[in-house]
């Protein structure tokens, strides 16, 4: 009887160890999804300050306004752009006043924007049918006590899949935002 208890306890310990390992693996995998593909030095940390130095007007029927920023050069076929977004759409123009915002969340995502068919088909489970134009987006979720309706700042650019595509760097985002906004 005593050996049965010892064997049962040993099995329970082994099961507990594997369960703990699988649980930690799952937590690690889920944490990696926020800002996937973002190296630590390319992430914009929670708590980062962003200053809007002048008022921006959101047109009627829109939930955001493009930040009239600075071009980042000719590396990209299509220039980068940032858009300041609010939580709702209004029928009248709205003003986002000059203010200081705090980044409360950060993530990056990419999507296929368009594709040029080549006539060739790859043997694959994924859809590969020629070069694609990809959109790389960095989302900075914002908070301001004075303007809680301001939701996020979205910075993105399009890039050809054949040109070693990547997300905008923090320095490129700073450049695009200048002279209207400052990313600290």
N, C-alpha and C. Protein backbone atom coordinates (compact mmCIF):
# COMPACT_ATOMS: atom_id res chain seq x y z
N UNK A 1 0.82 -1.20 0.00
CA UNK A 1 0.00 0.00 0.00
C UNK A 1 0.86 1.26 0.00
N UNK A 2 1.94 1.26 0.76
CA UNK A 2 2.83 2.40 0.85
C UNK A 2 3.51 2.69 -0.48
N UNK A 3 3.91 1.64 -1.22
CA UNK A 3 4.55 1.85 -2.52
C UNK A 3 3.57 2.41 -3.55
N UNK A 4 2.30 2.07 -3.44
CA UNK A 4 1.28 2.61 -4.34
C UNK A 4 1.14 4.12 -4.14
N UNK A 5 1.18 4.57 -2.91
CA UNK A 5 1.09 5.99 -2.60
C UNK A 5 2.32 6.73 -3.14
N UNK A 6 3.51 6.12 -2.98
CA UNK A 6 4.74 6.74 -3.47
C UNK A 6 4.70 6.86 -4.98
N UNK A 7 4.27 5.82 -5.69
CA UNK A 7 4.18 5.87 -7.16
C UNK A 7 3.16 6.90 -7.61
N UNK A 8 2.04 6.97 -6.93
CA UNK A 8 1.01 7.95 -7.28
C UNK A 8 1.54 9.37 -7.08
N UNK A 9 2.21 9.59 -5.96
CA UNK A 9 2.77 10.92 -5.67
C UNK A 9 3.85 11.29 -6.71
N UNK A 10 4.67 10.33 -7.10
CA UNK A 10 5.71 10.57 -8.09
C UNK A 10 5.08 10.96 -9.43
N UNK A 11 4.03 10.26 -9.82
CA UNK A 11 3.33 10.59 -11.08
C UNK A 11 2.72 11.98 -11.00
N UNK A 12 2.16 12.33 -9.86
CA UNK A 12 1.54 13.65 -9.70
C UNK A 12 2.60 14.76 -9.80
N UNK A 13 3.78 14.51 -9.22
CA UNK A 13 4.86 15.50 -9.29
C UNK A 13 5.32 15.68 -10.74
N UNK A 14 5.46 14.58 -11.47
CA UNK A 14 5.87 14.65 -12.88
C UNK A 14 4.82 15.41 -13.68
N UNK A 15 3.56 15.11 -13.47
CA UNK A 15 2.47 15.81 -14.18
C UNK A 15 2.48 17.29 -13.83
N UNK A 16 2.69 17.63 -12.57
CA UNK A 16 2.73 19.03 -12.15
C UNK A 16 3.89 19.77 -12.82
N UNK A 17 5.06 19.11 -12.91
CA UNK A 17 6.21 19.74 -13.56
C UNK A 17 5.93 20.02 -15.03
N UNK A 18 5.35 19.05 -15.74
CA UNK A 18 5.02 19.25 -17.15
C UNK A 18 3.95 20.32 -17.33
N UNK A 19 2.96 20.34 -16.45
CA UNK A 19 1.91 21.35 -16.51
C UNK A 19 2.49 22.74 -16.31
N UNK A 20 3.40 22.87 -15.34
CA UNK A 20 4.04 24.14 -15.09
C UNK A 20 4.86 24.58 -16.31
N UNK A 21 5.61 23.64 -16.90
CA UNK A 21 6.40 23.94 -18.09
C UNK A 21 5.51 24.40 -19.24
N UNK A 22 4.42 23.68 -19.49
CA UNK A 22 3.51 24.06 -20.58
C UNK A 22 2.85 25.41 -20.31
N UNK A 23 2.50 25.67 -19.06
CA UNK A 23 1.91 26.96 -18.70
C UNK A 23 2.88 28.11 -18.94
N UNK A 24 4.12 27.93 -18.53
CA UNK A 24 5.14 28.97 -18.76
C UNK A 24 5.39 29.17 -20.25
N UNK A 25 5.42 28.07 -21.00
CA UNK A 25 5.60 28.16 -22.45
C UNK A 25 4.46 28.95 -23.09
N UNK A 26 3.24 28.69 -22.67
CA UNK A 26 2.08 29.41 -23.19
C UNK A 26 2.15 30.89 -22.85
N UNK A 27 2.49 31.22 -21.61
CA UNK A 27 2.60 32.63 -21.22
C UNK A 27 3.68 33.35 -22.02
N UNK A 28 4.79 32.69 -22.23
CA UNK A 28 5.88 33.28 -23.00
C UNK A 28 5.45 33.52 -24.45
N UNK A 29 4.74 32.55 -25.02
CA UNK A 29 4.27 32.70 -26.41
C UNK A 29 3.29 33.84 -26.53
N UNK A 30 2.37 33.98 -25.58
CA UNK A 30 1.38 35.06 -25.64
C UNK A 30 2.04 36.42 -25.46
N UNK A 31 3.02 36.52 -24.57
CA UNK A 31 3.72 37.78 -24.36
C UNK A 31 4.47 38.19 -25.62
N UNK A 32 4.95 37.23 -26.37
CA UNK A 32 5.71 37.54 -27.59
C UNK A 32 4.82 38.10 -28.68
N UNK A 33 3.52 37.87 -28.63
CA UNK A 33 2.62 38.36 -29.67
C UNK A 33 2.45 39.87 -29.62
N UNK A 34 2.59 40.50 -28.44
CA UNK A 34 2.47 41.95 -28.35
C UNK A 34 3.76 42.57 -28.85
N UNK A 35 3.69 43.20 -30.01
CA UNK A 35 4.89 43.78 -30.59
C UNK A 35 5.74 42.73 -31.27
N UNK A 36 5.09 41.68 -31.81
CA UNK A 36 5.81 40.62 -32.48
C UNK A 36 6.74 41.21 -33.54
N UNK A 37 7.89 40.64 -33.67
CA UNK A 37 8.91 41.10 -34.61
C UNK A 37 9.62 42.36 -34.14
N UNK A 38 9.28 42.87 -32.97
CA UNK A 38 9.93 44.09 -32.50
C UNK A 38 11.06 43.73 -31.56
N UNK A 39 12.28 44.03 -31.97
CA UNK A 39 13.41 43.86 -31.08
C UNK A 39 13.25 44.85 -29.94
N UNK A 40 13.82 44.53 -28.78
CA UNK A 40 13.69 45.41 -27.63
C UNK A 40 14.18 46.82 -27.94
N UNK A 41 15.25 46.97 -28.73
CA UNK A 41 15.76 48.30 -29.04
C UNK A 41 14.90 49.03 -30.07
N UNK A 42 13.96 48.34 -30.69
CA UNK A 42 13.08 48.98 -31.67
C UNK A 42 11.69 49.26 -31.09
N UNK A 43 11.43 48.74 -29.90
CA UNK A 43 10.14 48.96 -29.26
C UNK A 43 10.08 50.37 -28.68
N UNK A 44 8.89 50.88 -28.58
CA UNK A 44 8.68 52.15 -27.89
C UNK A 44 8.05 51.78 -26.55
N UNK A 45 8.77 52.02 -25.45
CA UNK A 45 8.30 51.52 -24.16
C UNK A 45 7.02 52.21 -23.67
N UNK A 46 6.23 51.45 -22.93
CA UNK A 46 5.06 52.01 -22.26
C UNK A 46 5.57 53.10 -21.33
N UNK A 47 4.86 54.22 -21.29
CA UNK A 47 5.27 55.35 -20.47
C UNK A 47 5.99 56.42 -21.26
N UNK A 48 6.35 56.13 -22.52
CA UNK A 48 7.01 57.12 -23.36
C UNK A 48 6.08 58.31 -23.59
N UNK A 49 6.63 59.51 -23.55
CA UNK A 49 5.86 60.73 -23.75
C UNK A 49 5.84 61.13 -25.22
N UNK A 50 4.69 61.61 -25.67
CA UNK A 50 4.56 62.18 -27.01
C UNK A 50 3.89 63.54 -26.84
N UNK A 51 4.53 64.58 -27.35
CA UNK A 51 3.98 65.93 -27.26
C UNK A 51 3.41 66.36 -28.60
N UNK A 52 2.14 66.75 -28.59
CA UNK A 52 1.52 67.38 -29.76
C UNK A 52 1.69 68.87 -29.54
N UNK A 53 2.45 69.54 -30.42
CA UNK A 53 2.81 70.94 -30.21
C UNK A 53 1.85 71.94 -30.85
N UNK A 54 0.92 71.47 -31.63
CA UNK A 54 -0.09 72.38 -32.20
C UNK A 54 -1.39 71.62 -32.37
N UNK A 55 -2.48 72.36 -32.45
CA UNK A 55 -3.79 71.74 -32.61
C UNK A 55 -3.89 71.06 -33.97
N UNK A 56 -4.61 69.95 -34.01
CA UNK A 56 -4.92 69.27 -35.27
C UNK A 56 -6.44 69.17 -35.39
N UNK A 57 -6.95 69.37 -36.58
CA UNK A 57 -8.40 69.30 -36.81
C UNK A 57 -8.75 68.00 -37.51
N UNK A 58 -9.68 67.27 -36.92
CA UNK A 58 -10.18 66.03 -37.53
C UNK A 58 -11.37 66.40 -38.39
N UNK A 59 -11.34 66.05 -39.67
CA UNK A 59 -12.45 66.41 -40.57
C UNK A 59 -13.75 65.71 -40.16
N UNK A 60 -14.89 66.28 -40.55
CA UNK A 60 -16.17 65.63 -40.25
C UNK A 60 -16.24 64.25 -40.89
N UNK A 61 -16.88 63.32 -40.19
CA UNK A 61 -17.03 61.97 -40.72
C UNK A 61 -15.79 61.12 -40.63
N UNK A 62 -14.75 61.60 -39.95
CA UNK A 62 -13.49 60.87 -39.82
C UNK A 62 -13.21 60.57 -38.34
N UNK A 63 -12.41 59.53 -38.11
CA UNK A 63 -12.01 59.18 -36.75
C UNK A 63 -10.54 59.49 -36.52
N UNK A 64 -9.93 60.29 -37.39
CA UNK A 64 -8.53 60.62 -37.22
C UNK A 64 -8.06 61.61 -38.25
N UNK A 65 -6.82 62.03 -38.07
CA UNK A 65 -6.22 63.01 -38.98
C UNK A 65 -4.76 62.61 -39.21
N UNK A 66 -4.31 62.74 -40.45
CA UNK A 66 -2.91 62.46 -40.75
C UNK A 66 -2.06 63.60 -40.20
N UNK A 67 -0.94 63.24 -39.60
CA UNK A 67 -0.01 64.22 -39.06
C UNK A 67 0.82 64.74 -40.23
N UNK A 68 0.75 66.06 -40.50
CA UNK A 68 1.53 66.60 -41.61
C UNK A 68 3.00 66.67 -41.23
N UNK A 69 3.67 65.56 -41.35
CA UNK A 69 5.06 65.44 -40.88
C UNK A 69 6.09 65.62 -41.97
N UNK A 70 7.26 65.10 -41.68
CA UNK A 70 8.42 65.25 -42.54
C UNK A 70 8.67 63.96 -43.31
N UNK A 71 9.03 64.06 -44.58
CA UNK A 71 9.37 62.88 -45.38
C UNK A 71 10.65 62.25 -44.84
N UNK A 72 10.79 60.93 -45.00
CA UNK A 72 11.97 60.25 -44.47
C UNK A 72 12.95 59.84 -45.55
N UNK A 73 12.86 60.43 -46.71
CA UNK A 73 13.83 60.11 -47.76
C UNK A 73 13.27 59.16 -48.79
N UNK A 74 14.12 58.66 -49.67
CA UNK A 74 13.63 57.87 -50.80
C UNK A 74 13.87 56.37 -50.62
N UNK A 75 14.10 55.90 -49.39
CA UNK A 75 14.32 54.47 -49.17
C UNK A 75 13.07 53.67 -49.51
N UNK A 76 11.92 54.27 -49.32
CA UNK A 76 10.66 53.56 -49.53
C UNK A 76 10.01 54.01 -50.82
N UNK A 77 9.32 53.08 -51.42
CA UNK A 77 8.58 53.43 -52.63
C UNK A 77 7.42 54.36 -52.28
N UNK A 78 6.84 54.13 -51.14
CA UNK A 78 5.74 54.96 -50.65
C UNK A 78 6.15 55.52 -49.30
N UNK A 79 5.98 56.80 -49.10
CA UNK A 79 6.42 57.46 -47.88
C UNK A 79 5.65 56.96 -46.66
N UNK A 80 6.28 57.09 -45.52
CA UNK A 80 5.65 56.76 -44.25
C UNK A 80 4.67 57.86 -43.87
N UNK A 81 3.66 57.49 -43.11
CA UNK A 81 2.67 58.46 -42.64
C UNK A 81 2.20 58.03 -41.25
N UNK A 82 1.83 59.03 -40.44
CA UNK A 82 1.27 58.76 -39.12
C UNK A 82 -0.10 59.41 -39.04
N UNK A 83 -0.99 58.75 -38.32
CA UNK A 83 -2.38 59.21 -38.19
C UNK A 83 -2.75 59.20 -36.71
N UNK A 84 -3.24 60.32 -36.22
CA UNK A 84 -3.72 60.42 -34.84
C UNK A 84 -5.21 60.10 -34.86
N UNK A 85 -5.62 59.12 -34.05
CA UNK A 85 -7.01 58.64 -34.11
C UNK A 85 -7.73 58.85 -32.79
N UNK A 86 -9.04 59.07 -32.91
CA UNK A 86 -9.93 59.20 -31.75
C UNK A 86 -10.92 58.05 -31.74
N UNK A 87 -11.66 57.92 -30.66
CA UNK A 87 -12.52 56.75 -30.46
C UNK A 87 -13.84 56.79 -31.22
N UNK A 88 -14.26 57.94 -31.72
CA UNK A 88 -15.57 58.01 -32.37
C UNK A 88 -15.53 58.95 -33.57
N UNK A 89 -16.55 58.82 -34.39
CA UNK A 89 -16.71 59.67 -35.57
C UNK A 89 -17.77 60.73 -35.26
N UNK A 90 -17.52 61.95 -35.69
CA UNK A 90 -18.47 63.04 -35.47
C UNK A 90 -18.80 63.67 -36.81
N UNK A 91 -19.98 64.27 -36.90
CA UNK A 91 -20.39 64.92 -38.15
C UNK A 91 -19.81 66.32 -38.31
N UNK A 92 -19.21 66.84 -37.26
CA UNK A 92 -18.61 68.17 -37.30
C UNK A 92 -17.10 68.04 -37.14
N UNK A 93 -16.35 69.01 -37.61
CA UNK A 93 -14.90 68.96 -37.40
C UNK A 93 -14.60 69.02 -35.89
N UNK A 94 -13.54 68.33 -35.48
CA UNK A 94 -13.12 68.34 -34.08
C UNK A 94 -11.66 68.71 -33.99
N UNK A 95 -11.31 69.32 -32.90
CA UNK A 95 -9.92 69.72 -32.69
C UNK A 95 -9.30 68.87 -31.59
N UNK A 96 -8.13 68.33 -31.89
CA UNK A 96 -7.30 67.71 -30.86
C UNK A 96 -6.31 68.80 -30.48
N UNK A 97 -6.40 69.25 -29.22
CA UNK A 97 -5.58 70.36 -28.76
C UNK A 97 -4.16 69.91 -28.48
N UNK A 98 -3.23 70.87 -28.58
CA UNK A 98 -1.84 70.60 -28.22
C UNK A 98 -1.85 70.03 -26.80
N UNK A 99 -1.12 68.94 -26.60
CA UNK A 99 -1.21 68.22 -25.32
C UNK A 99 -0.02 67.28 -25.20
N UNK A 100 0.10 66.68 -24.04
CA UNK A 100 1.12 65.66 -23.79
C UNK A 100 0.40 64.33 -23.59
N UNK A 101 0.82 63.32 -24.36
CA UNK A 101 0.21 61.99 -24.30
C UNK A 101 1.24 60.99 -23.78
N UNK A 102 0.74 59.92 -23.21
CA UNK A 102 1.60 58.84 -22.72
C UNK A 102 1.26 57.57 -23.48
N UNK A 103 2.29 56.84 -23.92
CA UNK A 103 2.08 55.56 -24.59
C UNK A 103 1.70 54.53 -23.51
N UNK A 104 0.53 53.91 -23.67
CA UNK A 104 0.08 52.90 -22.70
C UNK A 104 0.15 51.48 -23.26
N UNK A 105 0.35 51.39 -24.57
CA UNK A 105 0.50 50.07 -25.20
C UNK A 105 1.18 50.25 -26.54
N UNK A 106 1.89 49.22 -26.96
CA UNK A 106 2.65 49.26 -28.22
C UNK A 106 2.45 47.93 -28.92
N UNK A 107 2.21 47.96 -30.21
CA UNK A 107 2.28 46.72 -30.99
C UNK A 107 2.57 47.04 -32.44
N UNK A 108 3.01 46.01 -33.15
CA UNK A 108 3.31 46.15 -34.57
C UNK A 108 2.63 45.02 -35.31
N UNK A 109 2.21 45.31 -36.54
CA UNK A 109 1.57 44.30 -37.37
C UNK A 109 1.89 44.60 -38.82
N UNK A 110 1.78 43.59 -39.66
CA UNK A 110 1.99 43.80 -41.09
C UNK A 110 0.89 43.05 -41.83
N UNK A 111 0.64 43.52 -43.04
CA UNK A 111 -0.37 42.87 -43.89
C UNK A 111 0.03 43.04 -45.35
N UNK A 112 -0.45 42.13 -46.17
CA UNK A 112 -0.24 42.24 -47.61
C UNK A 112 -1.21 43.29 -48.13
N UNK A 113 -0.67 44.32 -48.76
CA UNK A 113 -1.48 45.41 -49.28
C UNK A 113 -1.94 45.12 -50.69
N UNK A 114 -1.05 44.61 -51.52
CA UNK A 114 -1.39 44.22 -52.89
C UNK A 114 -0.36 43.20 -53.37
N UNK A 115 -0.68 42.57 -54.47
CA UNK A 115 0.23 41.54 -55.00
C UNK A 115 0.17 41.56 -56.52
N UNK A 116 1.32 41.30 -57.13
CA UNK A 116 1.40 41.27 -58.59
C UNK A 116 1.52 39.81 -59.02
N UNK A 117 0.55 39.30 -59.77
CA UNK A 117 0.62 37.90 -60.20
C UNK A 117 1.78 37.68 -61.17
N UNK A 118 2.42 36.51 -61.06
CA UNK A 118 3.54 36.19 -61.94
C UNK A 118 3.21 35.04 -62.88
N UNK A 119 2.15 34.30 -62.58
CA UNK A 119 1.83 33.12 -63.37
C UNK A 119 2.50 31.87 -62.82
N UNK A 120 3.49 32.04 -61.96
CA UNK A 120 4.16 30.91 -61.34
C UNK A 120 3.44 30.56 -60.04
N UNK A 121 3.41 29.29 -59.71
CA UNK A 121 2.80 28.85 -58.45
C UNK A 121 3.81 28.08 -57.65
N UNK A 122 3.97 28.45 -56.39
CA UNK A 122 4.85 27.74 -55.48
C UNK A 122 4.08 26.61 -54.81
N UNK A 123 4.75 25.50 -54.55
CA UNK A 123 4.15 24.42 -53.80
C UNK A 123 4.26 24.79 -52.33
N UNK A 124 3.16 25.28 -51.75
CA UNK A 124 3.18 25.78 -50.39
C UNK A 124 1.77 25.82 -49.83
N UNK A 125 1.69 25.83 -48.51
CA UNK A 125 0.38 25.98 -47.87
C UNK A 125 -0.02 27.46 -47.82
N UNK A 126 0.93 28.36 -48.00
CA UNK A 126 0.65 29.79 -47.99
C UNK A 126 0.45 30.28 -49.42
N UNK A 127 -0.18 31.43 -49.56
CA UNK A 127 -0.47 32.00 -50.87
C UNK A 127 0.72 32.83 -51.35
N UNK A 128 1.52 32.29 -52.25
CA UNK A 128 2.64 33.01 -52.85
C UNK A 128 2.38 33.07 -54.35
N UNK A 129 2.13 34.24 -54.84
CA UNK A 129 1.89 34.38 -56.26
C UNK A 129 2.53 35.66 -56.78
N UNK A 130 3.81 35.81 -56.52
CA UNK A 130 4.51 36.98 -57.02
C UNK A 130 4.84 37.96 -55.94
N UNK A 131 5.56 39.02 -56.31
CA UNK A 131 5.96 40.03 -55.33
C UNK A 131 4.74 40.74 -54.75
N UNK A 132 4.87 41.16 -53.50
CA UNK A 132 3.76 41.82 -52.83
C UNK A 132 4.21 43.16 -52.27
N UNK A 133 3.26 44.05 -52.17
CA UNK A 133 3.46 45.30 -51.48
C UNK A 133 2.91 45.10 -50.08
N UNK A 134 3.75 45.30 -49.07
CA UNK A 134 3.38 45.03 -47.69
C UNK A 134 3.23 46.33 -46.92
N UNK A 135 2.26 46.36 -45.99
CA UNK A 135 2.09 47.52 -45.11
C UNK A 135 2.59 47.12 -43.73
N UNK A 136 3.56 47.88 -43.20
CA UNK A 136 4.10 47.66 -41.87
C UNK A 136 3.59 48.78 -40.97
N UNK A 137 2.91 48.40 -39.88
CA UNK A 137 2.24 49.37 -39.01
C UNK A 137 2.74 49.26 -37.59
N UNK A 138 3.00 50.41 -36.98
CA UNK A 138 3.31 50.51 -35.56
C UNK A 138 2.18 51.27 -34.90
N UNK A 139 1.54 50.65 -33.90
CA UNK A 139 0.43 51.26 -33.17
C UNK A 139 0.90 51.71 -31.80
N UNK A 140 0.72 52.99 -31.51
CA UNK A 140 1.03 53.53 -30.19
C UNK A 140 -0.30 53.95 -29.56
N UNK A 141 -0.75 53.20 -28.57
CA UNK A 141 -2.01 53.51 -27.89
C UNK A 141 -1.72 54.57 -26.84
N UNK A 142 -2.51 55.66 -26.86
CA UNK A 142 -2.19 56.86 -26.10
C UNK A 142 -3.18 57.12 -24.97
N UNK A 143 -2.71 57.91 -23.99
CA UNK A 143 -3.58 58.36 -22.90
C UNK A 143 -3.27 59.82 -22.59
N UNK A 144 -4.34 60.57 -22.36
CA UNK A 144 -4.25 61.94 -21.87
C UNK A 144 -5.45 62.16 -20.96
N UNK A 145 -5.20 62.68 -19.76
CA UNK A 145 -6.32 62.99 -18.85
C UNK A 145 -7.21 64.09 -19.43
N UNK A 146 -6.60 65.04 -20.14
CA UNK A 146 -7.36 66.16 -20.71
C UNK A 146 -8.19 65.75 -21.93
N UNK A 147 -7.72 64.76 -22.72
CA UNK A 147 -8.40 64.37 -23.96
C UNK A 147 -8.51 62.85 -24.02
N UNK A 148 -9.38 62.26 -23.21
CA UNK A 148 -9.49 60.79 -23.17
C UNK A 148 -10.00 60.17 -24.46
N UNK A 149 -10.59 60.99 -25.36
CA UNK A 149 -11.09 60.44 -26.62
C UNK A 149 -9.97 60.14 -27.62
N UNK A 150 -8.78 60.70 -27.39
CA UNK A 150 -7.65 60.39 -28.27
C UNK A 150 -7.22 58.97 -27.98
N UNK A 151 -7.17 58.15 -29.01
CA UNK A 151 -7.04 56.70 -28.88
C UNK A 151 -5.64 56.20 -29.17
N UNK A 152 -5.11 56.53 -30.35
CA UNK A 152 -3.80 56.00 -30.72
C UNK A 152 -3.18 56.81 -31.85
N UNK A 153 -1.89 56.56 -32.01
CA UNK A 153 -1.11 57.10 -33.12
C UNK A 153 -0.66 55.90 -33.93
N UNK A 154 -1.01 55.89 -35.22
CA UNK A 154 -0.70 54.77 -36.10
C UNK A 154 0.30 55.26 -37.14
N UNK A 155 1.49 54.65 -37.18
CA UNK A 155 2.51 55.02 -38.16
C UNK A 155 2.78 53.82 -39.05
N UNK A 156 2.72 54.02 -40.36
CA UNK A 156 2.90 52.89 -41.27
C UNK A 156 3.54 53.33 -42.57
N UNK A 157 3.98 52.34 -43.32
CA UNK A 157 4.50 52.58 -44.66
C UNK A 157 4.32 51.31 -45.48
N UNK A 158 4.34 51.49 -46.79
CA UNK A 158 4.26 50.38 -47.73
C UNK A 158 5.66 50.08 -48.24
N UNK A 159 5.93 48.80 -48.44
CA UNK A 159 7.25 48.44 -48.94
C UNK A 159 7.14 47.16 -49.77
N UNK A 160 7.94 47.10 -50.82
CA UNK A 160 7.99 45.93 -51.69
C UNK A 160 8.59 44.76 -50.92
N UNK A 161 7.99 43.58 -51.06
CA UNK A 161 8.46 42.40 -50.35
C UNK A 161 9.87 41.98 -50.76
N UNK A 162 10.33 42.44 -51.92
CA UNK A 162 11.66 42.08 -52.40
C UNK A 162 12.75 43.00 -51.86
N UNK A 163 12.40 44.01 -51.06
CA UNK A 163 13.38 45.00 -50.59
C UNK A 163 13.72 44.83 -49.12
N UNK A 164 13.79 43.63 -48.61
CA UNK A 164 14.05 43.38 -47.20
C UNK A 164 13.13 44.24 -46.33
N UNK A 165 11.84 43.99 -46.39
CA UNK A 165 10.88 44.84 -45.69
C UNK A 165 11.07 44.79 -44.17
N UNK A 166 10.69 45.89 -43.53
CA UNK A 166 10.83 46.01 -42.08
C UNK A 166 9.91 47.11 -41.57
N UNK A 167 9.75 47.15 -40.25
CA UNK A 167 8.98 48.22 -39.61
C UNK A 167 9.80 49.50 -39.59
N UNK A 168 9.13 50.62 -39.43
CA UNK A 168 9.81 51.88 -39.25
C UNK A 168 10.60 51.82 -37.94
N UNK A 169 11.76 52.43 -37.93
CA UNK A 169 12.53 52.52 -36.69
C UNK A 169 11.96 53.65 -35.84
N UNK A 170 12.34 53.70 -34.58
CA UNK A 170 11.91 54.77 -33.69
C UNK A 170 12.37 56.12 -34.24
N UNK A 171 13.59 56.18 -34.74
CA UNK A 171 14.10 57.42 -35.29
C UNK A 171 13.32 57.86 -36.53
N UNK A 172 12.93 56.91 -37.37
CA UNK A 172 12.11 57.26 -38.55
C UNK A 172 10.74 57.78 -38.13
N UNK A 173 10.15 57.19 -37.10
CA UNK A 173 8.85 57.68 -36.61
C UNK A 173 9.02 59.10 -36.07
N UNK A 174 10.09 59.35 -35.34
CA UNK A 174 10.35 60.72 -34.84
C UNK A 174 10.44 61.71 -36.00
N UNK A 175 11.12 61.30 -37.06
CA UNK A 175 11.28 62.18 -38.22
C UNK A 175 9.95 62.45 -38.90
N UNK A 176 9.13 61.42 -39.05
CA UNK A 176 7.83 61.59 -39.70
C UNK A 176 6.95 62.54 -38.89
N UNK A 177 7.02 62.46 -37.57
CA UNK A 177 6.18 63.29 -36.70
C UNK A 177 6.61 64.75 -36.64
N UNK A 178 7.89 65.02 -36.90
CA UNK A 178 8.41 66.39 -36.80
C UNK A 178 7.82 67.23 -37.93
N UNK A 179 7.51 68.44 -37.75
CA UNK A 179 7.67 69.30 -36.60
C UNK A 179 6.41 69.41 -35.74
N UNK A 180 5.39 68.60 -36.00
CA UNK A 180 4.11 68.70 -35.30
C UNK A 180 4.13 68.01 -33.94
N UNK A 181 4.79 66.86 -33.85
CA UNK A 181 4.81 66.07 -32.61
C UNK A 181 6.25 65.69 -32.26
N UNK A 182 6.46 65.46 -30.97
CA UNK A 182 7.77 65.00 -30.49
C UNK A 182 7.58 63.69 -29.76
N UNK A 183 8.31 62.68 -30.20
CA UNK A 183 8.34 61.39 -29.52
C UNK A 183 9.60 61.38 -28.67
N UNK A 184 9.42 61.34 -27.35
CA UNK A 184 10.57 61.41 -26.43
C UNK A 184 11.20 60.06 -26.23
